[in-house]
Structure formats: structure tokens, C-alpha cells
Amino acid sequence: TYHPCPNCSGSGRVKSPEGQAVAVLRQLHTSCAKGKFEKAEVKVPLEVANYMLNDRREELVEMEKKLKLSIHIVGDESLAA
């Protein structure tokens, strides 16, 4: 889903933290499946990181097992959600 953009007083729309998390997980899986990686560090807005680590933890664990790598999610307050 999309929300009004907080940076432009709602004249634009941005993906919800949940939508951003799903997009990040898809991209992470696609990128890591193409190569041999031991670790992946992903910087995302804090809200997105919280969602990924709390509501999508099982999916992250399964991805780590399937792709045989360690995934580190970093919440960054300077990134807009």
C-alpha cells in the first residue's frame, strides 16, 4: 500500500514500510541467489527494519538457510520511510 509522502506534505505517495520491506526482501533474494555471498548487509529506514525483523523474521531465517548466508538488517534513521 501507499501513504502520502511526509516530505512533500502529501502531494506524492510512498510505499508503506510493509511494502518497502517486501520489495527489499525480493531484491535481496534475487541479488544473493545470483552469486556466492557469505554475508549481506541491508540498510533500510528504521520502520522498515523493525517490520522486517519483527514480522518477517521467519522469512529472513529461511532465506539465510536456503542461500547459505548471513543477513544483517540495519535500521537507519536518516533514511526516509
N, C-alpha and C. Protein backbone atom coordinates (compact mmCIF):
# COMPACT_ATOMS: atom_id res chain seq x y z
N THR A 1 0.83 -1.18 0.00
CA THR A 1 0.00 0.00 0.00
C THR A 1 0.87 1.24 0.00
N TYR A 2 0.25 2.35 -0.30
CA TYR A 2 0.97 3.62 -0.36
C TYR A 2 0.40 4.60 0.66
N HIS A 3 1.27 5.51 1.11
CA HIS A 3 0.89 6.54 2.06
C HIS A 3 1.26 7.90 1.47
N PRO A 4 0.59 8.98 1.93
CA PRO A 4 1.00 10.31 1.50
C PRO A 4 2.46 10.57 1.91
N CYS A 5 3.20 11.20 1.04
CA CYS A 5 4.61 11.49 1.30
C CYS A 5 4.74 12.51 2.44
N PRO A 6 5.51 12.17 3.49
CA PRO A 6 5.68 13.10 4.60
C PRO A 6 6.63 14.26 4.26
N ASN A 7 7.44 14.10 3.23
CA ASN A 7 8.42 15.12 2.87
C ASN A 7 7.85 16.23 2.00
N CYS A 8 6.77 15.93 1.28
CA CYS A 8 6.21 16.94 0.38
C CYS A 8 4.77 17.27 0.77
N SER A 9 4.46 17.09 2.01
CA SER A 9 3.12 17.40 2.55
C SER A 9 2.00 16.65 1.83
N GLY A 10 2.30 15.45 1.39
CA GLY A 10 1.26 14.61 0.82
C GLY A 10 0.96 14.79 -0.65
N SER A 11 1.73 15.60 -1.37
CA SER A 11 1.45 15.75 -2.80
C SER A 11 1.90 14.52 -3.59
N GLY A 12 2.78 13.74 -3.01
CA GLY A 12 3.22 12.49 -3.62
C GLY A 12 2.85 11.32 -2.72
N ARG A 13 3.14 10.11 -3.17
CA ARG A 13 2.83 8.93 -2.38
C ARG A 13 4.07 8.05 -2.30
N VAL A 14 4.23 7.38 -1.16
CA VAL A 14 5.36 6.49 -0.95
C VAL A 14 4.84 5.13 -0.48
N LYS A 15 5.62 4.10 -0.72
CA LYS A 15 5.23 2.77 -0.26
C LYS A 15 5.21 2.73 1.26
N SER A 16 4.31 1.94 1.79
CA SER A 16 4.25 1.74 3.24
C SER A 16 5.52 1.00 3.67
N PRO A 17 5.86 1.03 4.97
CA PRO A 17 7.02 0.26 5.44
C PRO A 17 6.90 -1.22 5.08
N GLU A 18 5.69 -1.76 5.14
CA GLU A 18 5.48 -3.16 4.78
C GLU A 18 5.78 -3.40 3.31
N GLY A 19 5.30 -2.50 2.46
CA GLY A 19 5.55 -2.61 1.03
C GLY A 19 7.03 -2.48 0.69
N GLN A 20 7.71 -1.56 1.39
CA GLN A 20 9.15 -1.41 1.19
C GLN A 20 9.88 -2.67 1.61
N ALA A 21 9.46 -3.26 2.73
CA ALA A 21 10.11 -4.48 3.22
C ALA A 21 9.98 -5.62 2.22
N VAL A 22 8.79 -5.79 1.66
CA VAL A 22 8.57 -6.85 0.68
C VAL A 22 9.46 -6.63 -0.54
N ALA A 23 9.55 -5.39 -1.00
CA ALA A 23 10.40 -5.08 -2.16
C ALA A 23 11.87 -5.36 -1.85
N VAL A 24 12.32 -5.01 -0.65
CA VAL A 24 13.71 -5.25 -0.25
C VAL A 24 13.97 -6.75 -0.18
N LEU A 25 13.06 -7.52 0.41
CA LEU A 25 13.25 -8.96 0.51
C LEU A 25 13.33 -9.61 -0.87
N ARG A 26 12.50 -9.18 -1.78
CA ARG A 26 12.54 -9.73 -3.15
C ARG A 26 13.87 -9.41 -3.82
N GLN A 27 14.30 -8.16 -3.71
CA GLN A 27 15.56 -7.75 -4.33
C GLN A 27 16.74 -8.47 -3.69
N LEU A 28 16.71 -8.60 -2.38
CA LEU A 28 17.77 -9.30 -1.66
C LEU A 28 17.87 -10.75 -2.13
N HIS A 29 16.74 -11.41 -2.24
CA HIS A 29 16.74 -12.81 -2.68
C HIS A 29 17.27 -12.93 -4.10
N THR A 30 16.81 -12.06 -4.98
CA THR A 30 17.25 -12.09 -6.38
C THR A 30 18.75 -11.84 -6.49
N SER A 31 19.24 -10.83 -5.79
CA SER A 31 20.66 -10.48 -5.86
C SER A 31 21.55 -11.56 -5.28
N CYS A 32 21.17 -12.09 -4.13
CA CYS A 32 22.01 -13.09 -3.45
C CYS A 32 21.95 -14.45 -4.13
N ALA A 33 20.84 -14.77 -4.78
CA ALA A 33 20.72 -16.05 -5.46
C ALA A 33 21.62 -16.13 -6.69
N LYS A 34 22.03 -14.97 -7.22
CA LYS A 34 22.86 -14.94 -8.43
C LYS A 34 24.33 -15.19 -8.15
N GLY A 35 24.76 -14.99 -6.91
CA GLY A 35 26.19 -15.12 -6.62
C GLY A 35 26.44 -15.87 -5.33
N LYS A 36 27.70 -16.08 -5.05
CA LYS A 36 28.11 -16.76 -3.82
C LYS A 36 28.52 -15.71 -2.81
N PHE A 37 27.65 -15.46 -1.85
CA PHE A 37 27.92 -14.48 -0.81
C PHE A 37 27.86 -15.17 0.54
N GLU A 38 28.67 -14.69 1.47
CA GLU A 38 28.62 -15.20 2.83
C GLU A 38 27.77 -14.30 3.72
N LYS A 39 27.75 -13.00 3.39
CA LYS A 39 27.03 -12.02 4.20
C LYS A 39 26.33 -11.01 3.31
N ALA A 40 25.22 -10.51 3.84
CA ALA A 40 24.52 -9.40 3.17
C ALA A 40 24.10 -8.42 4.25
N GLU A 41 24.45 -7.15 4.07
CA GLU A 41 24.01 -6.11 5.00
C GLU A 41 23.09 -5.17 4.24
N VAL A 42 21.92 -4.94 4.80
CA VAL A 42 20.91 -4.13 4.15
C VAL A 42 20.56 -2.95 5.05
N LYS A 43 20.76 -1.73 4.54
CA LYS A 43 20.37 -0.53 5.29
C LYS A 43 19.02 -0.07 4.76
N VAL A 44 18.08 0.05 5.69
CA VAL A 44 16.72 0.47 5.34
C VAL A 44 16.24 1.46 6.39
N PRO A 45 15.17 2.21 6.10
CA PRO A 45 14.61 3.09 7.12
C PRO A 45 14.25 2.30 8.39
N LEU A 46 14.33 2.94 9.52
CA LEU A 46 14.11 2.28 10.81
C LEU A 46 12.78 1.54 10.87
N GLU A 47 11.71 2.15 10.38
CA GLU A 47 10.39 1.50 10.39
C GLU A 47 10.40 0.21 9.57
N VAL A 48 11.09 0.23 8.46
CA VAL A 48 11.18 -0.95 7.59
C VAL A 48 11.99 -2.04 8.28
N ALA A 49 13.09 -1.66 8.91
CA ALA A 49 13.92 -2.63 9.63
C ALA A 49 13.11 -3.28 10.75
N ASN A 50 12.37 -2.49 11.51
CA ASN A 50 11.55 -3.04 12.59
C ASN A 50 10.53 -4.04 12.05
N TYR A 51 9.89 -3.70 10.96
CA TYR A 51 8.91 -4.61 10.36
C TYR A 51 9.59 -5.90 9.90
N MET A 52 10.73 -5.77 9.21
CA MET A 52 11.42 -6.95 8.71
C MET A 52 11.87 -7.87 9.84
N LEU A 53 12.41 -7.27 10.90
CA LEU A 53 12.96 -8.07 12.00
C LEU A 53 11.88 -8.65 12.91
N ASN A 54 10.74 -8.01 12.97
CA ASN A 54 9.67 -8.50 13.84
C ASN A 54 8.64 -9.35 13.09
N ASP A 55 8.16 -8.86 11.96
CA ASP A 55 7.08 -9.55 11.26
C ASP A 55 7.54 -10.45 10.13
N ARG A 56 8.76 -10.29 9.68
CA ARG A 56 9.28 -11.11 8.58
C ARG A 56 10.51 -11.91 8.97
N ARG A 57 10.72 -12.07 10.27
CA ARG A 57 11.92 -12.77 10.76
C ARG A 57 12.02 -14.19 10.19
N GLU A 58 10.90 -14.93 10.20
CA GLU A 58 10.94 -16.30 9.70
C GLU A 58 11.38 -16.35 8.24
N GLU A 59 10.89 -15.41 7.45
CA GLU A 59 11.28 -15.35 6.04
C GLU A 59 12.78 -15.08 5.90
N LEU A 60 13.31 -14.19 6.74
CA LEU A 60 14.75 -13.91 6.72
C LEU A 60 15.56 -15.15 7.09
N VAL A 61 15.12 -15.86 8.12
CA VAL A 61 15.83 -17.07 8.56
C VAL A 61 15.81 -18.12 7.45
N GLU A 62 14.66 -18.31 6.81
CA GLU A 62 14.57 -19.27 5.72
C GLU A 62 15.47 -18.88 4.55
N MET A 63 15.53 -17.58 4.24
CA MET A 63 16.38 -17.11 3.16
C MET A 63 17.85 -17.36 3.50
N GLU A 64 18.23 -17.12 4.75
CA GLU A 64 19.61 -17.38 5.18
C GLU A 64 19.96 -18.85 5.00
N LYS A 65 19.05 -19.73 5.39
CA LYS A 65 19.30 -21.18 5.25
C LYS A 65 19.38 -21.59 3.79
N LYS A 66 18.42 -21.13 3.00
CA LYS A 66 18.35 -21.52 1.59
C LYS A 66 19.57 -21.03 0.81
N LEU A 67 19.97 -19.78 1.06
CA LEU A 67 21.07 -19.19 0.30
C LEU A 67 22.43 -19.34 0.98
N LYS A 68 22.42 -19.93 2.19
CA LYS A 68 23.65 -20.18 2.96
C LYS A 68 24.46 -18.90 3.16
N LEU A 69 23.78 -17.89 3.73
CA LEU A 69 24.46 -16.64 4.01
C LEU A 69 23.85 -16.00 5.26
N SER A 70 24.56 -15.03 5.78
CA SER A 70 24.12 -14.28 6.95
C SER A 70 23.56 -12.94 6.49
N ILE A 71 22.34 -12.63 6.91
CA ILE A 71 21.69 -11.37 6.53
C ILE A 71 21.61 -10.48 7.75
N HIS A 72 22.12 -9.26 7.60
CA HIS A 72 22.11 -8.27 8.68
C HIS A 72 21.28 -7.08 8.22
N ILE A 73 20.18 -6.84 8.93
CA ILE A 73 19.30 -5.71 8.61
C ILE A 73 19.65 -4.55 9.53
N VAL A 74 19.94 -3.39 8.95
CA VAL A 74 20.33 -2.21 9.72
C VAL A 74 19.29 -1.12 9.51
N GLY A 75 18.70 -0.67 10.60
CA GLY A 75 17.75 0.44 10.53
C GLY A 75 18.50 1.76 10.60
N ASP A 76 18.24 2.64 9.66
CA ASP A 76 18.93 3.92 9.58
C ASP A 76 17.90 5.05 9.66
N GLU A 77 17.96 5.83 10.74
CA GLU A 77 17.00 6.91 10.95
C GLU A 77 17.12 8.02 9.90
N SER A 78 18.27 8.12 9.24
CA SER A 78 18.45 9.18 8.25
C SER A 78 17.76 8.86 6.92
N LEU A 79 17.33 7.62 6.74
CA LEU A 79 16.63 7.23 5.52
C LEU A 79 15.13 7.44 5.72
N ALA A 80 14.48 8.00 4.73
CA ALA A 80 13.04 8.23 4.81
C ALA A 80 12.28 6.95 4.52
N ALA A 81 11.23 6.73 5.28
CA ALA A 81 10.41 5.53 5.06
C ALA A 81 9.33 5.79 4.04
